Amino acid sequence: MAAAGEVRIAGRVALEGGDRHVHAARRLRQAFPMLEFVPRAAASTALPLVRLVEDKSLAEGAFVLTVRPGDNAEITIAGGPFSGVIYGAEELIARARVADGAVLVPAGERRAAPGLAYRTFWTWDHSTNWELSQVGHQEIGVFNPYGKPPSGFLGDYTRLVDFASRNRIPSVVIYGFLRDTHGGIDAAKELCRYATERGVRIVPGIAIGSYGGVYWEGDHPYNLSTWLKKNPQHAATMEKGVGFQIADLDFPLNFPRSDYTMTACPSAPETMDWMEEAVSWLAETFEIGGVNIESGDYGVCGCARCVARRNNEAEAARRVDDHGDSWSHTDMAANFPRLYRAAKAKRPDAWIYSEMQWDNLFDPVAHEAQRQLPQGALYQHTTNRTFWKRLQNELTRADVERLPTQPNVLRCQFACQWNGDRRTERYAFNGRVFADMNKFCADVGMQGLTVWGEPSPYHATVELSYLAFARFGYEPTLTWDRFMAEDAAPLLGGQAAAERFVAVAEELDANIELPVERLRTLQGEAREASRQNDDEASRRWLSLEDQIARRAYMGR
């Protein structure tokens, strides 16, 4: 029975716009199987109506959900381009309740728009593990072969896309987007089709003259190794061995030499002609939502042309720091604009990220190079954990407004496998960090946040971290208490259970070693919580129990 202020819908329902908004219509049918949705053209005017409408006056990802009572109830989901109607459909599903074979929805209007426009998962193909029932999982690395079955790429990323679509995460960066070993062009096309239908932008990651080119691995004209073997005269003359070390990571990184580490000279006109042609092909061939472009971060070319081009006061000053020889802002300033234009010519609405590299947002030297970069690209400033602490103390809205690049986003290069002690933070509870970073970005005028999205949300600590990223990115004014009550509590058996889950996870994260007796106590607590809950809440507690049990087994 409908409560006061609710609209009751049962039986046959007319659906308008389902042919255009295929996934929104699919989600309504999945969520409400007791209703029979029929196209409006074939329906009686006496039926209740659900309308799916794009409204280009709304921002991407914004929506207006209107529920009007009456003899013929009417629900309108008006959404901004690309994803707004899908987000509105998910909102309707979340707000509705089912009783006695009918769907009951609160009457009135609900408006929502993203607080941060650009909310992105960053991934490598080889270490993105969302399909758990297959071999070949990896957890770290940048020059890794792909060890999963060929179907693994779509198996992982379709699940990731489903999660992103339901939780208002609009884009996914993929390094290793194109590999022969996981399906090459056909698999990449299918992933783009699948993601676009669900309102998620696929954003291939590339680097200027490095990182495999546009086609990361395979016998293809736009694979860097393939091209350099035919054009060896354009290879870079690296100033040092490939690689770097991150200060916030408690073990050395490994950069084995292979075809993956081949690098082309960015000063050679032929290299950039080839890169521009490849980016144009990428944007034309695939239904991508953008491109993430960097200069490469494992060394620079030391040929005479590159040295002459970088022979300026700004570049010289920058190169005295710890990372000065790992990348060049001059390289990026000279070459990014033409790649930006090539992608935009084929995909005018594409999000083109320019990676500004790491821990240098206050660096005036970097700003000099940035003045040559086009307005409208998304300028991504990466931060490790130590630098994040500095940002919190020093960065202001005025600083961001003065940056020569606009708009700007932050990328979190911690709360993942790339920082921390021997455990890293890949499976840690990172929810508070992501909440704080979203709020901070909104406060200082950054327009987005990028975090790593590789491990599966099967791990409840990861799931809650992702949900915090999604919720606080869309609504940066959200409070932690509301997040715990609205998002965490229903997943873990109630408010008190959710707070205890987070407390246990944070105790584990804070201590690289704990007495076995303490671990056994926490393990028993998690086991008991799993017994007291339904299947899904129980599974989440069991995933925490497994983390604890592994540590107890290792004796620390």
Protein backbone atom coordinates (compact mmCIF):
# COMPACT_ATOMS: atom_id res chain seq x y z
CA MET A 1 0.00 0.00 0.00
CA ALA A 2 1.27 3.47 -0.91
CA ALA A 3 2.18 5.77 1.96
CA ALA A 4 1.37 9.47 1.98
CA GLY A 5 3.36 11.23 -0.72
CA GLU A 6 4.04 8.05 -2.70
CA VAL A 7 2.93 7.19 -6.22
CA ARG A 8 1.92 3.58 -6.88
CA ILE A 9 2.66 1.97 -10.25
CA ALA A 10 1.67 -1.57 -11.14
CA GLY A 11 1.03 -3.77 -14.16
CA ARG A 12 1.58 -2.26 -17.61
CA VAL A 13 3.59 0.96 -17.90
CA ALA A 14 4.14 3.07 -21.01
CA LEU A 15 7.81 3.84 -21.68
CA GLU A 16 8.89 6.78 -23.82
CA GLY A 17 12.50 7.16 -24.97
CA GLY A 18 13.53 3.58 -24.26
CA ASP A 19 14.74 3.09 -27.84
CA ARG A 20 17.25 5.94 -27.45
CA HIS A 21 18.20 5.43 -23.81
CA VAL A 22 18.72 1.70 -24.05
CA HIS A 23 20.61 1.12 -20.84
CA ALA A 24 18.34 3.27 -18.68
CA ALA A 25 15.38 1.28 -19.98
CA ARG A 26 17.25 -1.97 -19.36
CA ARG A 27 17.98 -1.02 -15.75
CA LEU A 28 14.32 -0.18 -15.09
CA ARG A 29 13.25 -3.57 -16.44
CA GLN A 30 15.91 -5.34 -14.38
CA ALA A 31 14.98 -3.51 -11.18
CA PHE A 32 11.20 -3.79 -11.62
CA PRO A 33 10.44 -7.16 -13.24
CA MET A 34 6.89 -6.99 -11.85
CA LEU A 35 6.13 -4.15 -14.29
CA GLU A 36 5.49 -4.65 -17.99
CA PHE A 37 7.08 -1.76 -19.87
CA VAL A 38 5.60 -1.20 -23.32
CA PRO A 39 6.56 1.45 -25.91
CA ARG A 40 4.42 4.53 -25.53
CA ALA A 41 3.35 4.43 -29.17
CA ALA A 42 1.77 1.03 -28.60
CA ALA A 43 0.34 1.80 -25.17
CA SER A 44 -3.01 2.98 -23.99
CA THR A 45 -3.16 6.58 -22.83
CA ALA A 46 -4.69 5.28 -19.61
CA LEU A 47 -1.40 3.70 -18.53
CA PRO A 48 1.12 5.31 -16.18
CA LEU A 49 4.03 6.79 -18.12
CA VAL A 50 7.81 6.81 -17.68
CA ARG A 51 9.61 9.30 -19.93
CA LEU A 52 13.38 9.20 -20.62
CA VAL A 53 14.53 12.52 -22.07
CA GLU A 54 17.92 14.07 -22.77
CA ASP A 55 18.14 17.72 -21.73
CA LYS A 56 21.21 19.39 -23.24
CA SER A 57 20.78 22.38 -20.97
CA LEU A 58 21.88 20.18 -18.08
CA ALA A 59 25.51 19.38 -17.33
CA GLU A 60 26.87 15.96 -18.22
CA GLY A 61 25.78 13.59 -15.48
CA ALA A 62 23.07 15.92 -14.12
CA PHE A 63 19.43 14.89 -14.00
CA VAL A 64 15.95 15.94 -12.94
CA LEU A 65 13.63 13.18 -11.69
CA THR A 66 9.99 14.27 -11.58
CA VAL A 67 7.21 12.04 -10.20
CA ARG A 68 3.67 13.37 -10.73
CA PRO A 69 0.73 11.63 -9.05
CA GLY A 70 -2.71 11.26 -10.59
CA ASP A 71 -4.98 8.74 -12.23
CA ASN A 72 -2.24 8.25 -14.82
CA ALA A 73 0.96 8.79 -12.90
CA GLU A 74 3.87 10.22 -14.86
CA ILE A 75 7.58 9.88 -14.14
CA THR A 76 10.04 11.96 -16.15
CA ILE A 77 13.78 11.38 -16.07
CA ALA A 78 15.51 14.28 -17.82
CA GLY A 79 19.27 13.96 -17.99
CA GLY A 80 22.27 15.84 -19.25
CA PRO A 81 24.25 14.47 -22.20
CA PHE A 82 25.84 11.03 -22.20
CA SER A 83 25.06 9.81 -18.68
CA GLY A 84 22.37 11.96 -17.05
CA VAL A 85 19.39 9.79 -17.97
CA ILE A 86 21.19 6.69 -16.71
CA TYR A 87 22.02 8.37 -13.41
CA GLY A 88 18.38 9.50 -13.13
CA ALA A 89 17.17 5.95 -13.72
CA GLU A 90 19.50 4.67 -11.01
CA GLU A 91 18.16 7.36 -8.67
CA LEU A 92 14.59 6.22 -9.35
CA ILE A 93 15.58 2.62 -8.63
CA ALA A 94 17.27 3.64 -5.38
CA ARG A 95 14.31 5.75 -4.19
CA ALA A 96 11.58 3.26 -5.06
CA ARG A 97 10.30 0.44 -2.90
CA VAL A 98 8.42 -2.65 -3.96
CA ALA A 99 5.30 -3.88 -2.14
CA ASP A 100 2.48 -6.23 -3.15
CA GLY A 101 3.65 -6.49 -6.74
CA ALA A 102 3.74 -2.72 -7.24
CA VAL A 103 6.45 -0.05 -7.33
CA LEU A 104 6.05 2.85 -4.90
CA VAL A 105 7.94 6.07 -5.62
CA PRO A 106 8.07 9.32 -3.63
CA ALA A 107 6.21 12.09 -5.45
CA GLY A 108 7.92 15.36 -6.29
CA GLU A 109 11.08 16.53 -7.99
CA ARG A 110 14.68 15.53 -7.36
CA ARG A 111 17.50 17.51 -9.01
CA ALA A 112 21.17 16.52 -8.91
CA ALA A 113 24.35 17.57 -10.66
CA PRO A 114 27.98 16.51 -10.20
CA GLY A 115 29.99 18.66 -7.82
CA LEU A 116 33.21 17.61 -9.59
CA ALA A 117 32.74 17.23 -13.32
CA TYR A 118 35.66 14.87 -13.94
CA ARG A 119 35.70 11.72 -11.80
CA THR A 120 37.94 8.99 -13.17
CA PHE A 121 39.30 5.53 -12.46
CA TRP A 122 42.91 5.04 -13.62
CA THR A 123 43.97 1.51 -14.61
CA TRP A 124 46.53 -0.71 -16.29
CA ASP A 125 44.99 -3.61 -18.21
CA HIS A 126 47.26 -6.29 -16.74
CA SER A 127 46.59 -5.43 -13.09
CA THR A 128 42.86 -4.67 -13.30
CA ASN A 129 41.32 -7.69 -11.58
CA TRP A 130 37.52 -7.52 -11.55
CA GLU A 131 36.86 -10.98 -13.05
CA LEU A 132 38.14 -13.11 -10.20
CA SER A 133 37.52 -16.58 -11.64
CA GLN A 134 40.48 -16.62 -14.02
CA VAL A 135 44.25 -17.02 -13.91
CA GLY A 136 46.85 -14.37 -14.61
CA HIS A 137 46.14 -11.77 -11.94
CA GLN A 138 48.90 -9.21 -11.36
CA GLU A 139 49.03 -6.41 -8.80
CA ILE A 140 51.79 -4.00 -9.79
CA GLY A 141 53.98 -3.04 -12.72
CA VAL A 142 54.07 -0.87 -15.82
CA PHE A 143 55.83 -3.01 -18.43
CA ASN A 144 54.00 -6.26 -17.77
CA PRO A 145 52.94 -8.86 -20.32
CA TYR A 146 49.26 -9.80 -20.26
CA GLY A 147 48.93 -13.18 -18.53
CA LYS A 148 45.17 -13.72 -18.50
CA PRO A 149 43.09 -15.58 -21.11
CA PRO A 150 42.20 -13.38 -24.12
CA SER A 151 38.65 -13.00 -22.79
CA GLY A 152 39.99 -11.57 -19.54
CA PHE A 153 40.14 -7.99 -20.80
CA LEU A 154 36.41 -7.77 -21.46
CA GLY A 155 35.70 -9.89 -18.39
CA ASP A 156 37.46 -7.38 -16.14
CA TYR A 157 36.40 -4.15 -17.76
CA THR A 158 32.72 -4.88 -18.39
CA ARG A 159 32.35 -5.50 -14.66
CA LEU A 160 34.26 -2.32 -13.90
CA VAL A 161 32.02 -0.39 -16.32
CA ASP A 162 28.87 -1.80 -14.71
CA PHE A 163 30.05 -0.57 -11.31
CA ALA A 164 31.02 2.83 -12.69
CA SER A 165 27.68 3.27 -14.45
CA ARG A 166 25.66 2.48 -11.34
CA ASN A 167 27.76 4.71 -9.11
CA ARG A 168 28.22 7.82 -11.27
CA ILE A 169 31.87 7.35 -12.14
CA PRO A 170 31.95 8.73 -15.67
CA SER A 171 35.34 7.70 -17.06
CA VAL A 172 37.98 4.99 -16.97
CA VAL A 173 41.59 5.49 -18.12
CA ILE A 174 43.13 2.30 -19.56
CA TYR A 175 46.82 1.89 -20.22
CA GLY A 176 47.21 -1.19 -22.40
CA PHE A 177 43.89 -0.45 -24.14
CA LEU A 178 45.08 -2.15 -27.34
CA ARG A 179 46.92 -5.48 -27.16
CA ASP A 180 46.82 -8.39 -29.57
CA THR A 181 46.86 -10.76 -26.57
CA HIS A 182 43.49 -9.61 -25.27
CA GLY A 183 41.58 -9.19 -28.48
CA GLY A 184 43.15 -6.15 -30.13
CA ILE A 185 40.85 -3.94 -32.15
CA ASP A 186 37.71 -6.07 -31.87
CA ALA A 187 37.80 -6.34 -28.07
CA ALA A 188 38.54 -2.62 -27.71
CA LYS A 189 35.62 -1.73 -29.96
CA GLU A 190 33.29 -3.97 -27.99
CA LEU A 191 34.38 -2.45 -24.69
CA CYS A 192 33.80 1.06 -26.03
CA ARG A 193 30.33 0.12 -27.30
CA TYR A 194 29.45 -1.50 -23.98
CA ALA A 195 30.72 1.44 -21.92
CA THR A 196 29.19 4.19 -24.08
CA GLU A 197 25.79 2.54 -23.86
CA ARG A 198 26.14 2.66 -20.07
CA GLY A 199 27.31 6.28 -19.86
CA VAL A 200 30.97 5.55 -19.11
CA ARG A 201 33.81 7.11 -21.09
CA ILE A 202 36.69 4.82 -22.06
CA VAL A 203 39.90 6.90 -22.06
CA PRO A 204 42.94 5.13 -23.54
CA GLY A 205 46.24 6.13 -21.95
CA ILE A 206 49.23 6.95 -24.16
CA ALA A 207 52.57 8.72 -23.88
CA ILE A 208 54.46 10.85 -26.39
CA GLY A 209 57.04 8.60 -27.99
CA SER A 210 56.92 5.97 -25.25
CA TYR A 211 54.63 3.50 -23.43
CA GLY A 212 54.10 1.49 -26.61
CA GLY A 213 52.49 4.26 -28.61
CA VAL A 214 48.75 4.13 -29.29
CA TYR A 215 48.75 0.35 -29.78
CA TRP A 216 50.43 -0.87 -26.59
CA GLU A 217 51.43 -4.35 -27.75
CA GLY A 218 51.14 -6.13 -31.09
CA ASP A 219 52.22 -6.21 -34.69
CA HIS A 220 50.46 -3.02 -35.68
CA PRO A 221 51.59 0.16 -37.51
CA TYR A 222 50.79 2.28 -34.43
CA ASN A 223 52.72 0.10 -32.01
CA LEU A 224 55.91 1.91 -31.01
CA SER A 225 58.17 -1.14 -31.05
CA THR A 226 56.92 -2.14 -34.50
CA TRP A 227 57.46 1.38 -35.82
CA LEU A 228 60.92 1.84 -34.30
CA LYS A 229 62.16 -1.47 -35.65
CA LYS A 230 61.31 -0.16 -39.11
CA ASN A 231 62.55 3.35 -38.31
CA PRO A 232 65.47 2.92 -35.89
CA GLN A 233 66.88 6.33 -36.77
CA HIS A 234 64.06 7.92 -34.74
CA ALA A 235 64.81 6.07 -31.49
CA ALA A 236 65.53 8.21 -28.44
CA THR A 237 69.02 8.47 -27.02
CA MET A 238 68.10 8.04 -23.37
CA GLU A 239 70.11 10.09 -20.88
CA LYS A 240 69.96 7.36 -18.25
CA GLY A 241 68.60 3.89 -17.69
CA VAL A 242 64.84 3.53 -17.83
CA GLY A 243 63.09 3.93 -14.48
CA PHE A 244 62.61 5.93 -11.32
CA GLN A 245 61.83 5.41 -7.64
CA ILE A 246 58.90 6.80 -5.68
CA ALA A 247 59.91 8.11 -2.27
CA ASP A 248 56.60 7.06 -0.70
CA LEU A 249 57.03 3.43 -1.79
CA ASP A 250 58.93 1.22 0.64
CA PHE A 251 60.55 -1.10 -1.93
CA PRO A 252 62.43 -0.56 -5.21
CA LEU A 253 60.58 -0.57 -8.53
CA ASN A 254 61.69 -2.83 -11.36
CA PHE A 255 61.91 -1.63 -14.97
CA PRO A 256 63.15 -4.60 -17.03
CA ARG A 257 64.34 -3.72 -20.53
CA SER A 258 62.09 -5.02 -23.29
CA ASP A 259 60.11 -3.85 -26.32
CA TYR A 260 57.83 -2.11 -23.84
CA THR A 261 60.62 0.30 -22.82
CA MET A 262 61.54 1.43 -26.33
CA THR A 263 61.34 5.20 -26.73
CA ALA A 264 61.18 7.51 -29.73
CA CYS A 265 62.79 10.92 -29.95
CA PRO A 266 60.09 13.58 -29.37
CA SER A 267 62.11 16.17 -31.29
CA ALA A 268 62.07 14.14 -34.50
CA PRO A 269 59.33 15.54 -36.77
CA GLU A 270 58.70 12.01 -38.02
CA THR A 271 57.91 10.81 -34.50
CA MET A 272 55.28 13.44 -33.94
CA ASP A 273 53.81 13.02 -37.42
CA TRP A 274 53.41 9.34 -36.60
CA MET A 275 51.96 10.07 -33.14
CA GLU A 276 49.45 12.57 -34.54
CA GLU A 277 48.35 10.13 -37.22
CA ALA A 278 47.98 7.38 -34.60
CA VAL A 279 45.90 9.53 -32.24
CA SER A 280 43.65 10.53 -35.12
CA TRP A 281 43.19 6.84 -36.00
CA LEU A 282 42.45 6.01 -32.36
CA ALA A 283 39.76 8.68 -32.06
CA GLU A 284 38.18 7.80 -35.38
CA THR A 285 38.25 4.01 -35.03
CA PHE A 286 36.97 3.61 -31.46
CA GLU A 287 34.00 5.12 -29.66
CA ILE A 288 36.31 6.49 -26.99
CA GLY A 289 35.35 9.12 -24.46
CA GLY A 290 38.77 10.73 -24.38
CA VAL A 291 42.52 10.20 -24.31
CA ASN A 292 44.98 10.45 -21.41
CA ILE A 293 48.28 11.82 -22.76
CA GLU A 294 51.57 12.12 -20.91
CA SER A 295 55.16 12.76 -21.89
CA GLY A 296 56.35 9.47 -20.40
CA ASP A 297 57.96 9.44 -16.98
CA TYR A 298 60.90 7.04 -17.14
CA GLY A 299 63.54 9.17 -18.81
CA VAL A 300 64.18 11.77 -21.50
CA CYS A 301 65.98 11.78 -24.82
CA GLY A 302 69.49 13.27 -24.77
CA CYS A 303 70.04 13.77 -28.49
CA ALA A 304 71.35 17.13 -29.69
CA ARG A 305 67.92 18.37 -30.80
CA CYS A 306 66.25 17.50 -27.50
CA VAL A 307 69.07 18.99 -25.46
CA ALA A 308 68.90 22.20 -27.50
CA ARG A 309 65.12 22.42 -27.13
CA ARG A 310 65.34 21.92 -23.38
CA ASN A 311 68.22 24.38 -23.07
CA ASN A 312 66.23 27.02 -21.25
CA GLU A 313 66.39 28.42 -17.75
CA ALA A 314 63.08 26.92 -16.67
CA GLU A 315 63.93 23.39 -17.73
CA ALA A 316 67.41 23.60 -16.23
CA ALA A 317 66.03 24.73 -12.88
CA ARG A 318 63.50 21.92 -12.79
CA ARG A 319 66.04 19.22 -13.55
CA VAL A 320 67.97 19.73 -10.33
CA ASP A 321 65.27 18.00 -8.28
CA ASP A 322 64.87 14.27 -7.68
CA HIS A 323 62.68 13.70 -10.72
CA GLY A 324 64.22 16.22 -13.07
CA ASP A 325 65.52 13.63 -15.49
CA SER A 326 62.39 11.45 -15.58
CA TRP A 327 60.24 13.70 -17.79
CA SER A 328 60.26 17.01 -19.63
CA HIS A 329 57.57 19.65 -19.52
CA THR A 330 59.17 21.19 -22.59
CA ASP A 331 58.51 17.95 -24.47
CA MET A 332 54.88 18.06 -23.40
CA ALA A 333 54.44 21.74 -24.25
CA ALA A 334 55.93 21.27 -27.72
CA ASN A 335 53.93 18.18 -28.64
CA PHE A 336 50.73 17.88 -26.63
CA PRO A 337 48.80 20.62 -28.49
CA ARG A 338 48.89 18.85 -31.85
CA LEU A 339 47.77 15.55 -30.30
CA TYR A 340 44.98 17.40 -28.48
CA ARG A 341 43.82 18.91 -31.76
CA ALA A 342 44.01 15.57 -33.58
CA ALA A 343 41.77 13.88 -31.01
CA LYS A 344 39.32 16.78 -30.80
CA ALA A 345 38.96 16.89 -34.58
CA LYS A 346 37.49 13.38 -34.49
CA ARG A 347 35.78 13.52 -31.06
CA PRO A 348 34.80 17.12 -30.22
CA ASP A 349 33.28 16.15 -26.87
CA ALA A 350 36.23 13.98 -25.79
CA TRP A 351 37.94 14.51 -22.45
CA ILE A 352 41.64 14.97 -23.31
CA TYR A 353 43.74 14.63 -20.19
CA SER A 354 47.23 16.11 -20.12
CA GLU A 355 49.29 14.47 -17.39
CA MET A 356 51.35 17.17 -15.68
CA GLN A 357 53.45 14.56 -13.84
CA TRP A 358 53.88 14.43 -10.11
CA ASP A 359 54.49 16.53 -7.04
CA ASN A 360 55.20 19.75 -8.95
CA LEU A 361 51.99 21.76 -8.74
CA PHE A 362 53.79 24.60 -6.95
CA ASP A 363 56.70 24.52 -9.39
CA PRO A 364 56.87 27.83 -11.33
CA VAL A 365 59.10 26.13 -13.87
CA ALA A 366 56.31 23.76 -14.80
CA HIS A 367 54.02 26.78 -15.13
CA GLU A 368 56.23 28.28 -17.82
CA ALA A 369 55.77 25.23 -20.02
CA GLN A 370 52.06 25.13 -19.23
CA ARG A 371 51.51 28.56 -20.75
CA GLN A 372 51.92 26.96 -24.17
CA LEU A 373 49.20 24.36 -23.61
CA PRO A 374 45.65 24.76 -24.99
CA GLN A 375 42.74 25.80 -22.84
CA GLY A 376 40.04 23.15 -22.58
CA ALA A 377 42.17 20.07 -22.06
CA LEU A 378 41.99 18.53 -18.59
CA TYR A 379 45.26 19.21 -16.79
CA GLN A 380 45.96 16.43 -14.33
CA HIS A 381 48.31 17.11 -11.43
CA THR A 382 49.50 13.91 -9.78
CA THR A 383 50.29 13.75 -6.08
CA ASN A 384 52.05 11.17 -3.95
CA ARG A 385 51.11 10.92 -0.27
CA THR A 386 53.85 13.21 1.07
CA PHE A 387 52.98 15.91 -1.47
CA TRP A 388 49.27 15.51 -0.65
CA LYS A 389 50.05 16.57 2.90
CA ARG A 390 51.73 19.68 1.52
CA LEU A 391 48.78 20.45 -0.75
CA GLN A 392 46.39 20.32 2.19
CA ASN A 393 48.49 22.87 4.07
CA GLU A 394 49.38 25.22 1.24
CA LEU A 395 47.19 25.02 -1.88
CA THR A 396 44.44 27.64 -2.11
CA ARG A 397 41.67 28.45 -4.56
CA ALA A 398 43.67 31.50 -5.64
CA ASP A 399 46.61 29.24 -6.51
CA VAL A 400 44.42 27.07 -8.73
CA GLU A 401 42.82 30.08 -10.40
CA ARG A 402 46.29 31.41 -11.24
CA LEU A 403 47.41 28.21 -12.96
CA PRO A 404 47.98 28.84 -16.67
CA THR A 405 46.17 25.59 -17.47
CA GLN A 406 42.38 25.39 -17.09
CA PRO A 407 40.54 23.29 -16.04
CA ASN A 408 42.62 21.31 -13.55
CA VAL A 409 42.12 17.98 -11.81
CA LEU A 410 44.05 16.08 -9.16
CA ARG A 411 45.27 12.49 -9.53
CA CYS A 412 45.87 10.37 -6.43
CA GLN A 413 49.08 8.33 -6.83
CA PHE A 414 48.65 6.73 -3.42
CA ALA A 415 45.88 4.71 -1.74
CA CYS A 416 46.97 2.05 -4.24
CA GLN A 417 49.91 -0.28 -4.96
CA TRP A 418 52.25 2.61 -5.77
CA ASN A 419 52.87 3.73 -2.21
CA GLY A 420 53.19 2.44 1.31
CA ASP A 421 55.05 -0.37 3.04
CA ARG A 422 55.45 -3.94 1.81
CA ARG A 423 51.65 -4.35 1.83
CA THR A 424 50.99 -1.17 -0.17
CA GLU A 425 47.49 0.31 0.11
CA ARG A 426 45.81 -1.50 -2.80
CA TYR A 427 43.37 -3.35 -0.50
CA ALA A 428 43.34 -0.85 2.35
CA PHE A 429 40.29 1.10 3.42
CA ASN A 430 40.90 4.35 1.51
CA GLY A 431 37.43 5.81 1.86
CA ARG A 432 38.36 8.70 4.14
CA VAL A 433 41.23 9.70 1.87
CA PHE A 434 38.98 9.75 -1.19
CA ALA A 435 36.31 11.71 0.68
CA ASP A 436 38.87 14.27 1.85
CA MET A 437 40.42 14.62 -1.60
CA ASN A 438 37.05 15.21 -3.28
CA LYS A 439 36.10 17.83 -0.71
CA PHE A 440 39.51 19.47 -1.03
CA CYS A 441 39.28 19.59 -4.83
CA ALA A 442 35.90 21.28 -4.63
CA ASP A 443 37.11 23.77 -2.02
CA VAL A 444 40.18 24.90 -3.99
CA GLY A 445 38.56 24.94 -7.44
CA MET A 446 39.93 21.73 -8.89
CA GLN A 447 37.27 20.25 -11.17
CA GLY A 448 37.95 16.55 -10.79
CA LEU A 449 39.77 13.70 -9.12
CA THR A 450 41.36 10.55 -10.54
CA VAL A 451 42.07 7.48 -8.38
CA TRP A 452 43.24 3.94 -9.08
CA GLY A 453 40.42 1.51 -9.80
CA GLU A 454 42.14 -1.81 -10.42
CA PRO A 455 41.20 -4.23 -7.57
CA SER A 456 37.75 -5.79 -7.49
CA PRO A 457 35.09 -4.44 -5.11
CA TYR A 458 34.63 -8.03 -4.00
CA HIS A 459 37.00 -6.89 -1.26
CA ALA A 460 34.71 -4.87 0.99
CA THR A 461 37.43 -2.40 1.99
CA VAL A 462 37.90 -1.65 -1.72
CA GLU A 463 34.16 -1.47 -2.37
CA LEU A 464 33.59 1.06 0.39
CA SER A 465 36.58 3.10 -0.80
CA TYR A 466 35.20 3.22 -4.33
CA LEU A 467 31.75 4.18 -3.07
CA ALA A 468 33.27 7.03 -1.05
CA PHE A 469 35.13 8.20 -4.15
CA ALA A 470 31.94 8.09 -6.20
CA ARG A 471 29.62 9.67 -3.64
CA PHE A 472 31.89 12.49 -2.51
CA GLY A 473 32.95 13.24 -6.09
CA TYR A 474 29.36 13.71 -7.19
CA GLU A 475 28.39 15.46 -3.94
CA PRO A 476 31.47 16.98 -2.25
CA THR A 477 29.31 18.58 0.47
CA LEU A 478 28.29 15.13 1.70
CA THR A 479 29.20 14.46 5.33
CA TRP A 480 31.02 11.35 6.50
CA ASP A 481 28.14 10.51 8.83
CA ARG A 482 25.65 10.61 5.96
CA PHE A 483 27.91 8.42 3.84
CA MET A 484 28.16 5.85 6.60
CA ALA A 485 24.41 5.89 7.22
CA GLU A 486 23.26 5.93 3.60
CA ASP A 487 25.94 3.89 1.83
CA ALA A 488 27.95 1.79 4.26
CA ALA A 489 25.32 0.77 6.82
CA PRO A 490 22.98 -1.04 4.38
CA LEU A 491 25.91 -3.09 3.08
CA LEU A 492 27.29 -4.25 6.42
CA GLY A 493 24.32 -4.91 8.69
CA GLY A 494 23.50 -1.48 10.11
CA GLN A 495 25.11 1.69 11.35
CA ALA A 496 26.96 0.20 14.32
CA ALA A 497 28.23 -2.69 12.21
CA ALA A 498 29.51 -0.33 9.50
CA GLU A 499 31.34 1.82 12.02
CA ARG A 500 32.94 -1.25 13.55
CA PHE A 501 33.95 -2.59 10.14
CA VAL A 502 35.74 0.66 9.35
CA ALA A 503 37.41 0.75 12.76
CA VAL A 504 38.78 -2.77 12.35
CA ALA A 505 39.96 -2.08 8.79
CA GLU A 506 41.70 1.10 9.88
CA GLU A 507 43.43 -0.67 12.77
CA LEU A 508 44.79 -3.23 10.33
CA ASP A 509 45.94 -0.53 7.91
CA ALA A 510 47.66 1.50 10.61
CA ASN A 511 49.83 -1.36 11.85
CA ILE A 512 52.21 -3.19 9.57
CA GLU A 513 52.51 -5.77 12.32
CA LEU A 514 50.10 -6.81 15.08
CA PRO A 515 50.35 -9.51 17.74
CA VAL A 516 48.76 -12.75 16.59
CA GLU A 517 46.51 -12.67 19.66
CA ARG A 518 45.08 -9.34 18.54
CA LEU A 519 44.63 -10.59 14.99
CA ARG A 520 42.77 -13.66 16.25
CA THR A 521 40.46 -11.43 18.28
CA LEU A 522 39.66 -9.27 15.25
CA GLN A 523 39.24 -12.35 13.08
CA GLY A 524 36.70 -13.79 15.50
CA GLU A 525 34.82 -10.51 15.57
CA ALA A 526 34.60 -10.42 11.78
CA ARG A 527 33.51 -14.07 11.67
CA GLU A 528 30.75 -13.46 14.19
CA ALA A 529 29.51 -10.43 12.24
CA SER A 530 29.34 -12.53 9.09
CA ARG A 531 27.15 -15.09 10.91
CA GLN A 532 24.66 -12.44 11.96
CA ASN A 533 24.00 -11.00 8.51
CA ASP A 534 22.44 -11.95 5.20
CA ASP A 535 24.46 -13.32 2.30
CA GLU A 536 25.91 -10.10 0.85
CA ALA A 537 26.67 -8.41 4.18
CA SER A 538 28.14 -11.72 5.37
CA ARG A 539 30.36 -11.92 2.29
CA ARG A 540 31.73 -8.45 3.00
CA TRP A 541 32.61 -9.33 6.58
CA LEU A 542 34.18 -12.58 5.36
CA SER A 543 36.40 -10.62 2.98
CA LEU A 544 37.68 -8.65 5.97
CA GLU A 545 38.10 -11.86 7.96
CA ASP A 546 40.19 -13.25 5.11
CA GLN A 547 42.51 -10.23 5.23
CA ILE A 548 42.98 -10.74 8.96
CA ALA A 549 43.42 -14.51 8.63
CA ARG A 550 46.21 -14.08 6.09
CA ARG A 551 48.10 -11.86 8.49
CA ALA A 552 47.56 -14.22 11.40
CA TYR A 553 48.79 -17.10 9.25
CA MET A 554 51.97 -15.13 8.51
CA GLY A 555 52.37 -14.40 12.23
CA ARG A 556 52.03 -10.60 12.04
